[in-house]
Structure formats: C-alpha cells, structure tokens
Amino acid sequence: MKFFANIRRKLFKRYISREIYQKIFPHLNGYANHGYPFHSLDGMVKLHIHGNLATHGIMTQIEQAAGKMPKAEGDAFRYIVYRDLFGKMEMYLEFAKERVYDPKPDDFRFAAKALQGA
C-alpha cells in the first residue's frame, strides 16, 4: 500500500510542478494561452481568494446537507468526505512545505544576496 501511496505522491508533485512552470507561468507571461480565466497575477490572486472563500461555503453546505441525512448515513458520508479531502490536502501541504525557502537566521549568504539586490 505504501508503495502505491509514494507513487501517487510523486505523480501529484510532478503534476503540480508541471502546471505551475509549464502552464501557469507561460500563460501569465503571455507566451501561451492555456485557457486559464486570468491574464495577470492580480487576476490569479483574486481567483484564489474567491476559491478559498467558496471552499469554506461548500464545506458549510456539505455539513448542512449531511445533517439532514439519516444520522448513520450522514456520519458515514462526512467520514468519506473528510478522509478524501484530508488525503488530498496533505499532499498539497507536503508539496508546499518542500517549496518553502526559509533561511536560517545565521545564514549570512542570504543576507549578502539580499543586500546585493538592494
């Protein structure tokens, strides 16, 4: 089982990296049109903020709908929803943590590079 989970995680990371670097960035820079509903960084930011808010709304609606189901069915449904979402969100979090650059306070090379750019 772990073997397949590792493959799934690797494929997920490749998919995300590919979309960022080979689709979104060229689309934002005007080198290609990949059909995204934004044409600028500001447009993309507005859409991801909207997506964040919409996600919260959908989760509320799922809870409300599950609350109207027979109790055992609603509880089983919630279990499935959160299990699936947790698995996917965990992969996004793992990807994000791997891409964060957080220099150590004693990493003077970073400070030197920052001063060179100033």
PDB file of N, CA and C in Angstrom:
ATOM      1  N   MET A   1       0.829  -1.196   0.000  1.00  0.00           N
ATOM      2  CA  MET A   1       0.000   0.000   0.000  1.00  0.00           C
ATOM      3  C   MET A   1       0.874   1.261   0.000  1.00  0.00           C
ATOM      4  N   LYS A   2       1.937   1.254   0.811  1.00  0.00           N
ATOM      5  CA  LYS A   2       2.806   2.415   0.886  1.00  0.00           C
ATOM      6  C   LYS A   2       3.495   2.674  -0.452  1.00  0.00           C
ATOM      7  N   PHE A   3       3.808   1.615  -1.175  1.00  0.00           N
ATOM      8  CA  PHE A   3       4.438   1.736  -2.491  1.00  0.00           C
ATOM      9  C   PHE A   3       3.561   2.578  -3.417  1.00  0.00           C
ATOM     10  N   PHE A   4       2.269   2.264  -3.466  1.00  0.00           N
ATOM     11  CA  PHE A   4       1.344   2.985  -4.338  1.00  0.00           C
ATOM     12  C   PHE A   4       1.117   4.417  -3.839  1.00  0.00           C
ATOM     13  N   ALA A   5       1.096   4.598  -2.526  1.00  0.00           N
ATOM     14  CA  ALA A   5       0.943   5.942  -1.968  1.00  0.00           C
ATOM     15  C   ALA A   5       2.132   6.815  -2.363  1.00  0.00           C
ATOM     16  N   ASN A   6       3.331   6.250  -2.335  1.00  0.00           N
ATOM     17  CA  ASN A   6       4.521   7.010  -2.741  1.00  0.00           C
ATOM     18  C   ASN A   6       4.467   7.378  -4.217  1.00  0.00           C
ATOM     19  N   ILE A   7       4.023   6.463  -5.041  1.00  0.00           N
ATOM     20  CA  ILE A   7       3.889   6.752  -6.473  1.00  0.00           C
ATOM     21  C   ILE A   7       2.854   7.858  -6.680  1.00  0.00           C
ATOM     22  N   ARG A   8       1.730   7.763  -5.982  1.00  0.00           N
ATOM     23  CA  ARG A   8       0.679   8.774  -6.097  1.00  0.00           C
ATOM     24  C   ARG A   8       1.205  10.153  -5.688  1.00  0.00           C
ATOM     25  N   ARG A   9       1.985  10.210  -4.610  1.00  0.00           N
ATOM     26  CA  ARG A   9       2.547  11.484  -4.156  1.00  0.00           C
ATOM     27  C   ARG A   9       3.546  12.047  -5.178  1.00  0.00           C
ATOM     28  N   LYS A  10       4.383  11.200  -5.732  1.00  0.00           N
ATOM     29  CA  LYS A  10       5.355  11.658  -6.733  1.00  0.00           C
ATOM     30  C   LYS A  10       4.649  12.181  -7.983  1.00  0.00           C
ATOM     31  N   LEU A  11       3.638  11.462  -8.439  1.00  0.00           N
ATOM     32  CA  LEU A  11       2.885  11.914  -9.609  1.00  0.00           C
ATOM     33  C   LEU A  11       2.170  13.229  -9.328  1.00  0.00           C
ATOM     34  N   PHE A  12       1.633  13.361  -8.135  1.00  0.00           N
ATOM     35  CA  PHE A  12       0.955  14.595  -7.736  1.00  0.00           C
ATOM     36  C   PHE A  12       1.931  15.769  -7.786  1.00  0.00           C
ATOM     37  N   LYS A  13       3.108  15.593  -7.218  1.00  0.00           N
ATOM     38  CA  LYS A  13       4.103  16.663  -7.201  1.00  0.00           C
ATOM     39  C   LYS A  13       4.536  17.040  -8.618  1.00  0.00           C
ATOM     40  N   ARG A  14       4.713  16.049  -9.467  1.00  0.00           N
ATOM     41  CA  ARG A  14       5.072  16.333 -10.867  1.00  0.00           C
ATOM     42  C   ARG A  14       3.968  17.097 -11.564  1.00  0.00           C
ATOM     43  N   TYR A  15       2.730  16.691 -11.312  1.00  0.00           N
ATOM     44  CA  TYR A  15       1.589  17.361 -11.925  1.00  0.00           C
ATOM     45  C   TYR A  15       1.523  18.828 -11.498  1.00  0.00           C
ATOM     46  N   ILE A  16       1.678  19.091 -10.209  1.00  0.00           N
ATOM     47  CA  ILE A  16       1.607  20.462  -9.706  1.00  0.00           C
ATOM     48  C   ILE A  16       2.761  21.289 -10.272  1.00  0.00           C
ATOM     49  N   SER A  17       3.971  20.760 -10.221  1.00  0.00           N
ATOM     50  CA  SER A  17       5.131  21.484 -10.756  1.00  0.00           C
ATOM     51  C   SER A  17       4.956  21.769 -12.237  1.00  0.00           C
ATOM     52  N   ARG A  18       4.492  20.786 -12.974  1.00  0.00           N
ATOM     53  CA  ARG A  18       4.293  20.961 -14.413  1.00  0.00           C
ATOM     54  C   ARG A  18       3.265  22.051 -14.676  1.00  0.00           C
ATOM     55  N   GLU A  19       2.170  22.045 -13.943  1.00  0.00           N
ATOM     56  CA  GLU A  19       1.150  23.061 -14.185  1.00  0.00           C
ATOM     57  C   GLU A  19       1.683  24.456 -13.855  1.00  0.00           C
ATOM     58  N   ILE A  20       2.409  24.573 -12.760  1.00  0.00           N
ATOM     59  CA  ILE A  20       2.949  25.889 -12.380  1.00  0.00           C
ATOM     60  C   ILE A  20       3.933  26.393 -13.423  1.00  0.00           C
ATOM     61  N   TYR A  21       4.950  25.581 -13.721  1.00  0.00           N
ATOM     62  CA  TYR A  21       6.059  26.053 -14.537  1.00  0.00           C
ATOM     63  C   TYR A  21       5.839  25.964 -16.045  1.00  0.00           C
ATOM     64  N   GLN A  22       5.044  25.014 -16.504  1.00  0.00           N
ATOM     65  CA  GLN A  22       4.858  24.852 -17.937  1.00  0.00           C
ATOM     66  C   GLN A  22       3.521  25.373 -18.435  1.00  0.00           C
ATOM     67  N   LYS A  23       2.609  25.707 -17.529  1.00  0.00           N
ATOM     68  CA  LYS A  23       1.316  26.217 -17.971  1.00  0.00           C
ATOM     69  C   LYS A  23       1.001  27.589 -17.390  1.00  0.00           C
ATOM     70  N   ILE A  24       0.955  27.708 -16.063  1.00  0.00           N
ATOM     71  CA  ILE A  24       0.540  28.974 -15.462  1.00  0.00           C
ATOM     72  C   ILE A  24       1.548  30.087 -15.746  1.00  0.00           C
ATOM     73  N   PHE A  25       2.833  29.858 -15.489  1.00  0.00           N
ATOM     74  CA  PHE A  25       3.819  30.914 -15.720  1.00  0.00           C
ATOM     75  C   PHE A  25       3.862  31.364 -17.187  1.00  0.00           C
ATOM     76  N   PRO A  26       3.918  30.436 -18.164  1.00  0.00           N
ATOM     77  CA  PRO A  26       3.875  30.899 -19.557  1.00  0.00           C
ATOM     78  C   PRO A  26       2.569  31.642 -19.875  1.00  0.00           C
ATOM     79  N   HIS A  27       1.469  31.211 -19.294  1.00  0.00           N
ATOM     80  CA  HIS A  27       0.183  31.885 -19.517  1.00  0.00           C
ATOM     81  C   HIS A  27       0.241  33.313 -18.963  1.00  0.00           C
ATOM     82  N   LEU A  28       0.754  33.473 -17.732  1.00  0.00           N
ATOM     83  CA  LEU A  28       0.848  34.801 -17.125  1.00  0.00           C
ATOM     84  C   LEU A  28       1.782  35.721 -17.903  1.00  0.00           C
ATOM     85  N   ASN A  29       2.856  35.161 -18.456  1.00  0.00           N
ATOM     86  CA  ASN A  29       3.829  35.963 -19.193  1.00  0.00           C
ATOM     87  C   ASN A  29       3.435  36.210 -20.647  1.00  0.00           C
ATOM     88  N   GLY A  30       2.301  35.671 -21.068  1.00  0.00           N
ATOM     89  CA  GLY A  30       1.821  35.895 -22.426  1.00  0.00           C
ATOM     90  C   GLY A  30       2.505  35.052 -23.481  1.00  0.00           C
ATOM     91  N   TYR A  31       3.261  34.031 -23.080  1.00  0.00           N
ATOM     92  CA  TYR A  31       3.944  33.163 -24.038  1.00  0.00           C
ATOM     93  C   TYR A  31       3.013  32.096 -24.595  1.00  0.00           C
ATOM     94  N   ALA A  32       1.939  31.813 -23.873  1.00  0.00           N
ATOM     95  CA  ALA A  32       0.997  30.780 -24.289  1.00  0.00           C
ATOM     96  C   ALA A  32      -0.360  31.104 -23.689  1.00  0.00           C
ATOM     97  N   ASN A  33      -1.393  30.557 -24.303  1.00  0.00           N
ATOM     98  CA  ASN A  33      -2.733  30.697 -23.740  1.00  0.00           C
ATOM     99  C   ASN A  33      -3.222  29.299 -23.400  1.00  0.00           C
ATOM    100  N   HIS A  34      -3.209  28.996 -22.115  1.00  0.00           N
ATOM    101  CA  HIS A  34      -3.633  27.680 -21.663  1.00  0.00           C
ATOM    102  C   HIS A  34      -5.075  27.678 -21.168  1.00  0.00           C
ATOM    103  N   GLY A  35      -5.812  28.744 -21.469  1.00  0.00           N
ATOM    104  CA  GLY A  35      -7.230  28.791 -21.162  1.00  0.00           C
ATOM    105  C   GLY A  35      -7.576  29.117 -19.718  1.00  0.00           C
ATOM    106  N   TYR A  36      -6.617  29.604 -18.957  1.00  0.00           N
ATOM    107  CA  TYR A  36      -6.926  29.979 -17.578  1.00  0.00           C
ATOM    108  C   TYR A  36      -7.820  31.218 -17.577  1.00  0.00           C
ATOM    109  N   PRO A  37      -8.672  31.366 -16.567  1.00  0.00           N
ATOM    110  CA  PRO A  37      -9.595  32.514 -16.534  1.00  0.00           C
ATOM    111  C   PRO A  37      -8.951  33.793 -15.989  1.00  0.00           C
ATOM    112  N   PHE A  38      -7.642  33.901 -16.055  1.00  0.00           N
ATOM    113  CA  PHE A  38      -6.926  35.091 -15.610  1.00  0.00           C
ATOM    114  C   PHE A  38      -5.811  35.363 -16.606  1.00  0.00           C
ATOM    115  N   HIS A  39      -5.400  36.632 -16.640  1.00  0.00           N
ATOM    116  CA  HIS A  39      -4.321  37.007 -17.558  1.00  0.00           C
ATOM    117  C   HIS A  39      -3.249  37.829 -16.860  1.00  0.00           C
ATOM    118  N   SER A  40      -3.381  37.957 -15.523  1.00  0.00           N
ATOM    119  CA  SER A  40      -2.387  38.693 -14.750  1.00  0.00           C
ATOM    120  C   SER A  40      -2.268  38.055 -13.378  1.00  0.00           C
ATOM    121  N   LEU A  41      -1.198  38.409 -12.688  1.00  0.00           N
ATOM    122  CA  LEU A  41      -1.001  37.910 -11.332  1.00  0.00           C
ATOM    123  C   LEU A  41      -2.139  38.383 -10.425  1.00  0.00           C
ATOM    124  N   ASP A  42      -2.544  39.647 -10.569  1.00  0.00           N
ATOM    125  CA  ASP A  42      -3.658  40.156  -9.764  1.00  0.00           C
ATOM    126  C   ASP A  42      -4.938  39.374 -10.017  1.00  0.00           C
ATOM    127  N   GLY A  43      -5.194  39.042 -11.273  1.00  0.00           N
ATOM    128  CA  GLY A  43      -6.385  38.254 -11.607  1.00  0.00           C
ATOM    129  C   GLY A  43      -6.330  36.869 -10.990  1.00  0.00           C
ATOM    130  N   MET A  44      -5.153  36.263 -11.004  1.00  0.00           N
ATOM    131  CA  MET A  44      -4.999  34.938 -10.407  1.00  0.00           C
ATOM    132  C   MET A  44      -5.196  35.012  -8.896  1.00  0.00           C
ATOM    133  N   VAL A  45      -4.652  36.051  -8.259  1.00  0.00           N
ATOM    134  CA  VAL A  45      -4.799  36.204  -6.812  1.00  0.00           C
ATOM    135  C   VAL A  45      -6.271  36.385  -6.448  1.00  0.00           C
ATOM    136  N   LYS A  46      -6.994  37.202  -7.198  1.00  0.00           N
ATOM    137  CA  LYS A  46      -8.424  37.389  -6.926  1.00  0.00           C
ATOM    138  C   LYS A  46      -9.168  36.065  -7.016  1.00  0.00           C
ATOM    139  N   LEU A  47      -8.812  35.251  -7.995  1.00  0.00           N
ATOM    140  CA  LEU A  47      -9.483  33.960  -8.155  1.00  0.00           C
ATOM    141  C   LEU A  47      -9.120  32.986  -7.045  1.00  0.00           C
ATOM    142  N   HIS A  48      -7.880  32.994  -6.567  1.00  0.00           N
ATOM    143  CA  HIS A  48      -7.570  32.049  -5.489  1.00  0.00           C
ATOM    144  C   HIS A  48      -8.174  32.510  -4.168  1.00  0.00           C
ATOM    145  N   ILE A  49      -8.341  33.826  -3.979  1.00  0.00           N
ATOM    146  CA  ILE A  49      -9.057  34.309  -2.792  1.00  0.00           C
ATOM    147  C   ILE A  49     -10.522  33.899  -2.874  1.00  0.00           C
ATOM    148  N   HIS A  50     -11.111  34.068  -4.046  1.00  0.00           N
ATOM    149  CA  HIS A  50     -12.502  33.644  -4.251  1.00  0.00           C
ATOM    150  C   HIS A  50     -12.640  32.142  -4.026  1.00  0.00           C
ATOM    151  N   GLY A  51     -11.690  31.367  -4.508  1.00  0.00           N
ATOM    152  CA  GLY A  51     -11.719  29.914  -4.320  1.00  0.00           C
ATOM    153  C   GLY A  51     -11.636  29.527  -2.854  1.00  0.00           C
ATOM    154  N   ASN A  52     -10.834  30.254  -2.096  1.00  0.00           N
ATOM    155  CA  ASN A  52     -10.727  29.997  -0.666  1.00  0.00           C
ATOM    156  C   ASN A  52     -12.073  30.224   0.010  1.00  0.00           C
ATOM    157  N   LEU A  53     -12.693  31.346  -0.278  1.00  0.00           N
ATOM    158  CA  LEU A  53     -13.999  31.660   0.322  1.00  0.00           C
ATOM    159  C   LEU A  53     -15.066  30.672  -0.129  1.00  0.00           C
ATOM    160  N   ALA A  54     -15.055  30.327  -1.407  1.00  0.00           N
ATOM    161  CA  ALA A  54     -16.040  29.381  -1.930  1.00  0.00           C
ATOM    162  C   ALA A  54     -15.883  28.006  -1.294  1.00  0.00           C
ATOM    163  N   THR A  55     -14.645  27.603  -1.035  1.00  0.00           N
ATOM    164  CA  THR A  55     -14.393  26.309  -0.398  1.00  0.00           C
ATOM    165  C   THR A  55     -15.007  26.264   0.993  1.00  0.00           C
ATOM    166  N   HIS A  56     -14.854  27.350   1.733  1.00  0.00           N
ATOM    167  CA  HIS A  56     -15.471  27.401   3.067  1.00  0.00           C
ATOM    168  C   HIS A  56     -16.990  27.293   2.953  1.00  0.00           C
ATOM    169  N   GLY A  57     -17.554  27.957   1.968  1.00  0.00           N
ATOM    170  CA  GLY A  57     -19.001  27.889   1.759  1.00  0.00           C
ATOM    171  C   GLY A  57     -19.468  26.491   1.406  1.00  0.00           C
ATOM    172  N   ILE A  58     -18.727  25.822   0.557  1.00  0.00           N
ATOM    173  CA  ILE A  58     -19.091  24.454   0.161  1.00  0.00           C
ATOM    174  C   ILE A  58     -19.008  23.514   1.353  1.00  0.00           C
ATOM    175  N   MET A  59     -17.977  23.682   2.185  1.00  0.00           N
ATOM    176  CA  MET A  59     -17.867  22.828   3.371  1.00  0.00           C
ATOM    177  C   MET A  59     -19.064  23.027   4.294  1.00  0.00           C
ATOM    178  N   THR A  60     -19.512  24.252   4.430  1.00  0.00           N
ATOM    179  CA  THR A  60     -20.700  24.533   5.244  1.00  0.00           C
ATOM    180  C   THR A  60     -21.925  23.854   4.646  1.00  0.00           C
ATOM    181  N   GLN A  61     -22.059  23.923   3.336  1.00  0.00           N
ATOM    182  CA  GLN A  61     -23.201  23.295   2.658  1.00  0.00           C
ATOM    183  C   GLN A  61     -23.160  21.773   2.796  1.00  0.00           C
ATOM    184  N   ILE A  62     -21.964  21.197   2.726  1.00  0.00           N
ATOM    185  CA  ILE A  62     -21.834  19.741   2.906  1.00  0.00           C
ATOM    186  C   ILE A  62     -22.287  19.356   4.305  1.00  0.00           C
ATOM    187  N   GLU A  63     -21.842  20.109   5.298  1.00  0.00           N
ATOM    188  CA  GLU A  63     -22.242  19.827   6.677  1.00  0.00           C
ATOM    189  C   GLU A  63     -23.757  19.949   6.842  1.00  0.00           C
ATOM    190  N   GLN A  64     -24.348  20.972   6.255  1.00  0.00           N
ATOM    191  CA  GLN A  64     -25.793  21.164   6.363  1.00  0.00           C
ATOM    192  C   GLN A  64     -26.551  20.021   5.693  1.00  0.00           C
ATOM    193  N   ALA A  65     -26.101  19.617   4.507  1.00  0.00           N
ATOM    194  CA  ALA A  65     -26.764  18.522   3.794  1.00  0.00           C
ATOM    195  C   ALA A  65     -26.601  17.214   4.561  1.00  0.00           C
ATOM    196  N   ALA A  66     -25.402  16.948   5.074  1.00  0.00           N
ATOM    197  CA  ALA A  66     -25.168  15.720   5.828  1.00  0.00           C
ATOM    198  C   ALA A  66     -26.011  15.703   7.098  1.00  0.00           C
ATOM    199  N   GLY A  67     -26.229  16.876   7.690  1.00  0.00           N
ATOM    200  CA  GLY A  67     -27.049  16.969   8.891  1.00  0.00           C
ATOM    201  C   GLY A  67     -28.512  16.631   8.654  1.00  0.00           C
ATOM    202  N   LYS A  68     -28.937  16.725   7.403  1.00  0.00           N
ATOM    203  CA  LYS A  68     -30.333  16.412   7.050  1.00  0.00           C
ATOM    204  C   LYS A  68     -30.504  14.957   6.609  1.00  0.00           C
ATOM    205  N   MET A  69     -29.406  14.241   6.475  1.00  0.00           N
ATOM    206  CA  MET A  69     -29.468  12.819   6.119  1.00  0.00           C
ATOM    207  C   MET A  69     -29.815  12.019   7.374  1.00  0.00           C
ATOM    208  N   PRO A  70     -30.250  10.770   7.187  1.00  0.00           N
ATOM    209  CA  PRO A  70     -30.360   9.911   8.368  1.00  0.00           C
ATOM    210  C   PRO A  70     -28.999   9.889   9.073  1.00  0.00           C
ATOM    211  N   LYS A  71     -28.993   9.878  10.391  1.00  0.00           N
ATOM    212  CA  LYS A  71     -27.766  10.074  11.174  1.00  0.00           C
ATOM    213  C   LYS A  71     -26.610   9.184  10.749  1.00  0.00           C
ATOM    214  N   ALA A  72     -26.830   7.874  10.661  1.00  0.00           N
ATOM    215  CA  ALA A  72     -25.732   6.961  10.308  1.00  0.00           C
ATOM    216  C   ALA A  72     -25.208   7.251   8.900  1.00  0.00           C
ATOM    217  N   GLU A  73     -26.104   7.541   7.972  1.00  0.00           N
ATOM    218  CA  GLU A  73     -25.678   7.841   6.610  1.00  0.00           C
ATOM    219  C   GLU A  73     -24.910   9.160   6.566  1.00  0.00           C
ATOM    220  N   GLY A  74     -25.397  10.165   7.268  1.00  0.00           N
ATOM    221  CA  GLY A  74     -24.719  11.454   7.316  1.00  0.00           C
ATOM    222  C   GLY A  74     -23.336  11.345   7.927  1.00  0.00           C
ATOM    223  N   ASP A  75     -23.227  10.574   9.011  1.00  0.00           N
ATOM    224  CA  ASP A  75     -21.922  10.387   9.646  1.00  0.00           C
ATOM    225  C   ASP A  75     -20.962   9.636   8.731  1.00  0.00           C
ATOM    226  N   ALA A  76     -21.456   8.607   8.041  1.00  0.00           N
ATOM    227  CA  ALA A  76     -20.617   7.854   7.098  1.00  0.00           C
ATOM    228  C   ALA A  76     -20.180   8.754   5.940  1.00  0.00           C
ATOM    229  N   PHE A  77     -21.117   9.566   5.454  1.00  0.00           N
ATOM    230  CA  PHE A  77     -20.811  10.490   4.363  1.00  0.00           C
ATOM    231  C   PHE A  77     -19.731  11.480   4.787  1.00  0.00           C
ATOM    232  N   ARG A  78     -19.863  12.064   5.982  1.00  0.00           N
ATOM    233  CA  ARG A  78     -18.862  13.004   6.484  1.00  0.00           C
ATOM    234  C   ARG A  78     -17.493  12.325   6.596  1.00  0.00           C
ATOM    235  N   TYR A  79     -17.483  11.093   7.096  1.00  0.00           N
ATOM    236  CA  TYR A  79     -16.216  10.362   7.207  1.00  0.00           C
ATOM    237  C   TYR A  79     -15.534  10.271   5.842  1.00  0.00           C
ATOM    238  N   ILE A  80     -16.291   9.886   4.819  1.00  0.00           N
ATOM    239  CA  ILE A  80     -15.739   9.734   3.468  1.00  0.00           C
ATOM    240  C   ILE A  80     -15.227  11.073   2.943  1.00  0.00           C
ATOM    241  N   VAL A  81     -16.028  12.120   3.097  1.00  0.00           N
ATOM    242  CA  VAL A  81     -15.641  13.444   2.615  1.00  0.00           C
ATOM    243  C   VAL A  81     -14.332  13.893   3.255  1.00  0.00           C
ATOM    244  N   TYR A  82     -14.283  13.836   4.574  1.00  0.00           N
ATOM    245  CA  TYR A  82     -13.089  14.340   5.258  1.00  0.00           C
ATOM    246  C   TYR A  82     -11.878  13.449   5.051  1.00  0.00           C
ATOM    247  N   ARG A  83     -12.087  12.158   4.914  1.00  0.00           N
ATOM    248  CA  ARG A  83     -10.966  11.254   4.625  1.00  0.00           C
ATOM    249  C   ARG A  83     -10.356  11.604   3.275  1.00  0.00           C
ATOM    250  N   ASP A  84     -11.216  11.779   2.266  1.00  0.00           N
ATOM    251  CA  ASP A  84     -10.724  12.093   0.927  1.00  0.00           C
ATOM    252  C   ASP A  84     -10.060  13.467   0.868  1.00  0.00           C
ATOM    253  N   LEU A  85     -10.716  14.453   1.479  1.00  0.00           N
ATOM    254  CA  LEU A  85     -10.159  15.803   1.467  1.00  0.00           C
ATOM    255  C   LEU A  85      -8.850  15.868   2.239  1.00  0.00           C
ATOM    256  N   PHE A  86      -8.788  15.194   3.384  1.00  0.00           N
ATOM    257  CA  PHE A  86      -7.562  15.196   4.181  1.00  0.00           C
ATOM    258  C   PHE A  86      -6.408  14.611   3.381  1.00  0.00           C
ATOM    259  N   GLY A  87      -6.648  13.510   2.691  1.00  0.00           N
ATOM    260  CA  GLY A  87      -5.583  12.891   1.896  1.00  0.00           C
ATOM    261  C   GLY A  87      -5.057  13.825   0.824  1.00  0.00           C
ATOM    262  N   LYS A  88      -5.946  14.507   0.141  1.00  0.00           N
ATOM    263  CA  LYS A  88      -5.532  15.428  -0.924  1.00  0.00           C
ATOM    264  C   LYS A  88      -4.853  16.669  -0.335  1.00  0.00           C
ATOM    265  N   MET A  89      -5.431  17.217   0.733  1.00  0.00           N
ATOM    266  CA  MET A  89      -4.854  18.404   1.353  1.00  0.00           C
ATOM    267  C   MET A  89      -3.475  18.109   1.930  1.00  0.00           C
ATOM    268  N   GLU A  90      -3.296  16.907   2.445  1.00  0.00           N
ATOM    269  CA  GLU A  90      -1.995  16.512   2.978  1.00  0.00           C
ATOM    270  C   GLU A  90      -0.935  16.539   1.879  1.00  0.00           C
ATOM    271  N   MET A  91      -1.298  16.107   0.673  1.00  0.00           N
ATOM    272  CA  MET A  91      -0.338  16.139  -0.437  1.00  0.00           C
ATOM    273  C   MET A  91      -0.011  17.576  -0.829  1.00  0.00           C
ATOM    274  N   TYR A  92      -1.019  18.466  -0.846  1.00  0.00           N
ATOM    275  CA  TYR A  92      -0.751  19.878  -1.134  1.00  0.00           C
ATOM    276  C   TYR A  92       0.173  20.483  -0.084  1.00  0.00           C
ATOM    277  N   LEU A  93      -0.082  20.180   1.177  1.00  0.00           N
ATOM    278  CA  LEU A  93       0.751  20.715   2.257  1.00  0.00           C
ATOM    279  C   LEU A  93       2.181  20.205   2.145  1.00  0.00           C
ATOM    280  N   GLU A  94       2.347  18.939   1.853  1.00  0.00           N
ATOM    281  CA  GLU A  94       3.691  18.369   1.695  1.00  0.00           C
ATOM    282  C   GLU A  94       4.436  19.076   0.567  1.00  0.00           C
ATOM    283  N   PHE A  95       3.748  19.292  -0.556  1.00  0.00           N
ATOM    284  CA  PHE A  95       4.352  19.989  -1.696  1.00  0.00           C
ATOM    285  C   PHE A  95       4.763  21.405  -1.278  1.00  0.00           C
ATOM    286  N   ALA A  96       3.847  22.111  -0.612  1.00  0.00           N
ATOM    287  CA  ALA A  96       4.122  23.492  -0.209  1.00  0.00           C
ATOM    288  C   ALA A  96       5.299  23.572   0.746  1.00  0.00           C
ATOM    289  N   LYS A  97       5.350  22.688   1.718  1.00  0.00           N
ATOM    290  CA  LYS A  97       6.454  22.709   2.683  1.00  0.00           C
ATOM    291  C   LYS A  97       7.793  22.446   2.009  1.00  0.00           C
ATOM    292  N   GLU A  98       7.804  21.609   0.990  1.00  0.00           N
ATOM    293  CA  GLU A  98       9.051  21.319   0.285  1.00  0.00           C
ATOM    294  C   GLU A  98       9.519  22.506  -0.551  1.00  0.00           C
ATOM    295  N   ARG A  99       8.609  23.384  -0.935  1.00  0.00           N
ATOM    296  CA  ARG A  99       8.957  24.511  -1.802  1.00  0.00           C
ATOM    297  C   ARG A  99       9.255  25.794  -1.034  1.00  0.00           C
ATOM    298  N   VAL A 100       9.099  25.792   0.277  1.00  0.00           N
ATOM    299  CA  VAL A 100       9.328  26.994   1.085  1.00  0.00           C
ATOM    300  C   VAL A 100      10.819  27.199   1.274  1.00  0.00           C
ATOM    301  N   TYR A 101      11.260  28.429   1.039  1.00  0.00           N
ATOM    302  CA  TYR A 101      12.640  28.778   1.319  1.00  0.00           C
ATOM    303  C   TYR A 101      12.638  29.586   2.596  1.00  0.00           C
ATOM    304  N   ASP A 102      13.196  29.039   3.638  1.00  0.00           N
ATOM    305  CA  ASP A 102      13.221  29.691   4.939  1.00  0.00           C
ATOM    306  C   ASP A 102      14.669  29.727   5.422  1.00  0.00           C
ATOM    307  N   PRO A 103      15.378  30.808   5.104  1.00  0.00           N
ATOM    308  CA  PRO A 103      16.789  30.848   5.500  1.00  0.00           C
ATOM    309  C   PRO A 103      16.943  30.890   7.016  1.00  0.00           C
ATOM    310  N   LYS A 104      17.978  30.282   7.486  1.00  0.00           N
ATOM    311  CA  LYS A 104      18.290  30.298   8.911  1.00  0.00           C
ATOM    312  C   LYS A 104      18.784  31.696   9.280  1.00  0.00           C
ATOM    313  N   PRO A 105      18.524  32.157  10.504  1.00  0.00           N
ATOM    314  CA  PRO A 105      18.998  33.488  10.910  1.00  0.00           C
ATOM    315  C   PRO A 105      20.507  33.648  10.789  1.00  0.00           C
ATOM    316  N   ASP A 106      21.257  32.556  10.898  1.00  0.00           N
ATOM    317  CA  ASP A 106      22.715  32.651  10.805  1.00  0.00           C
ATOM    318  C   ASP A 106      23.219  32.375   9.388  1.00  0.00           C
ATOM    319  N   ASP A 107      22.303  32.344   8.414  1.00  0.00           N
ATOM    320  CA  ASP A 107      22.709  32.124   7.028  1.00  0.00           C
ATOM    321  C   ASP A 107      23.055  33.479   6.411  1.00  0.00           C
ATOM    322  N   PHE A 108      24.327  33.883   6.561  1.00  0.00           N
ATOM    323  CA  PHE A 108      24.750  35.199   6.110  1.00  0.00           C
ATOM    324  C   PHE A 108      24.807  35.309   4.593  1.00  0.00           C
ATOM    325  N   ARG A 109      24.858  34.168   3.909  1.00  0.00           N
ATOM    326  CA  ARG A 109      24.848  34.214   2.445  1.00  0.00           C
ATOM    327  C   ARG A 109      23.549  34.824   1.958  1.00  0.00           C
ATOM    328  N   PHE A 110      22.426  34.479   2.621  1.00  0.00           N
ATOM    329  CA  PHE A 110      21.134  35.036   2.237  1.00  0.00           C
ATOM    330  C   PHE A 110      21.141  36.553   2.434  1.00  0.00           C
ATOM    331  N   ALA A 111      21.673  37.015   3.573  1.00  0.00           N
ATOM    332  CA  ALA A 111      21.732  38.454   3.847  1.00  0.00           C
ATOM    333  C   ALA A 111      22.588  39.160   2.811  1.00  0.00           C
ATOM    334  N   ALA A 112      23.690  38.555   2.447  1.00  0.00           N
ATOM    335  CA  ALA A 112      24.578  39.153   1.455  1.00  0.00           C
ATOM    336  C   ALA A 112      23.867  39.262   0.093  1.00  0.00           C
ATOM    337  N   LYS A 113      23.141  38.222  -0.273  1.00  0.00           N
ATOM    338  CA  LYS A 113      22.403  38.250  -1.550  1.00  0.00           C
ATOM    339  C   LYS A 113      21.313  39.315  -1.512  1.00  0.00           C
ATOM    340  N   ALA A 114      20.639  39.451  -0.367  1.00  0.00           N
ATOM    341  CA  ALA A 114      19.581  40.442  -0.232  1.00  0.00           C
ATOM    342  C   ALA A 114      20.157  41.853  -0.346  1.00  0.00           C
ATOM    343  N   LEU A 115      21.348  42.075   0.238  1.00  0.00           N
ATOM    344  CA  LEU A 115      21.966  43.394   0.179  1.00  0.00           C
ATOM    345  C   LEU A 115      22.458  43.717  -1.233  1.00  0.00           C
ATOM    346  N   GLN A 116      22.884  42.697  -1.974  1.00  0.00           N
ATOM    347  CA  GLN A 116      23.346  42.921  -3.335  1.00  0.00           C
ATOM    348  C   GLN A 116      22.206  43.412  -4.203  1.00  0.00           C
ATOM    349  N   GLY A 117      20.992  42.909  -3.938  1.00  0.00           N
ATOM    350  CA  GLY A 117      19.835  43.293  -4.742  1.00  0.00           C
ATOM    351  C   GLY A 117      19.296  44.666  -4.358  1.00  0.00           C
ATOM    352  N   ALA A 118      19.710  45.199  -3.199  1.00  0.00           N
ATOM    353  CA  ALA A 118      19.177  46.495  -2.718  1.00  0.00           C
ATOM    354  C   ALA A 118      19.843  47.657  -3.407  1.00  0.00           C
TER     355      ALA A 118
END
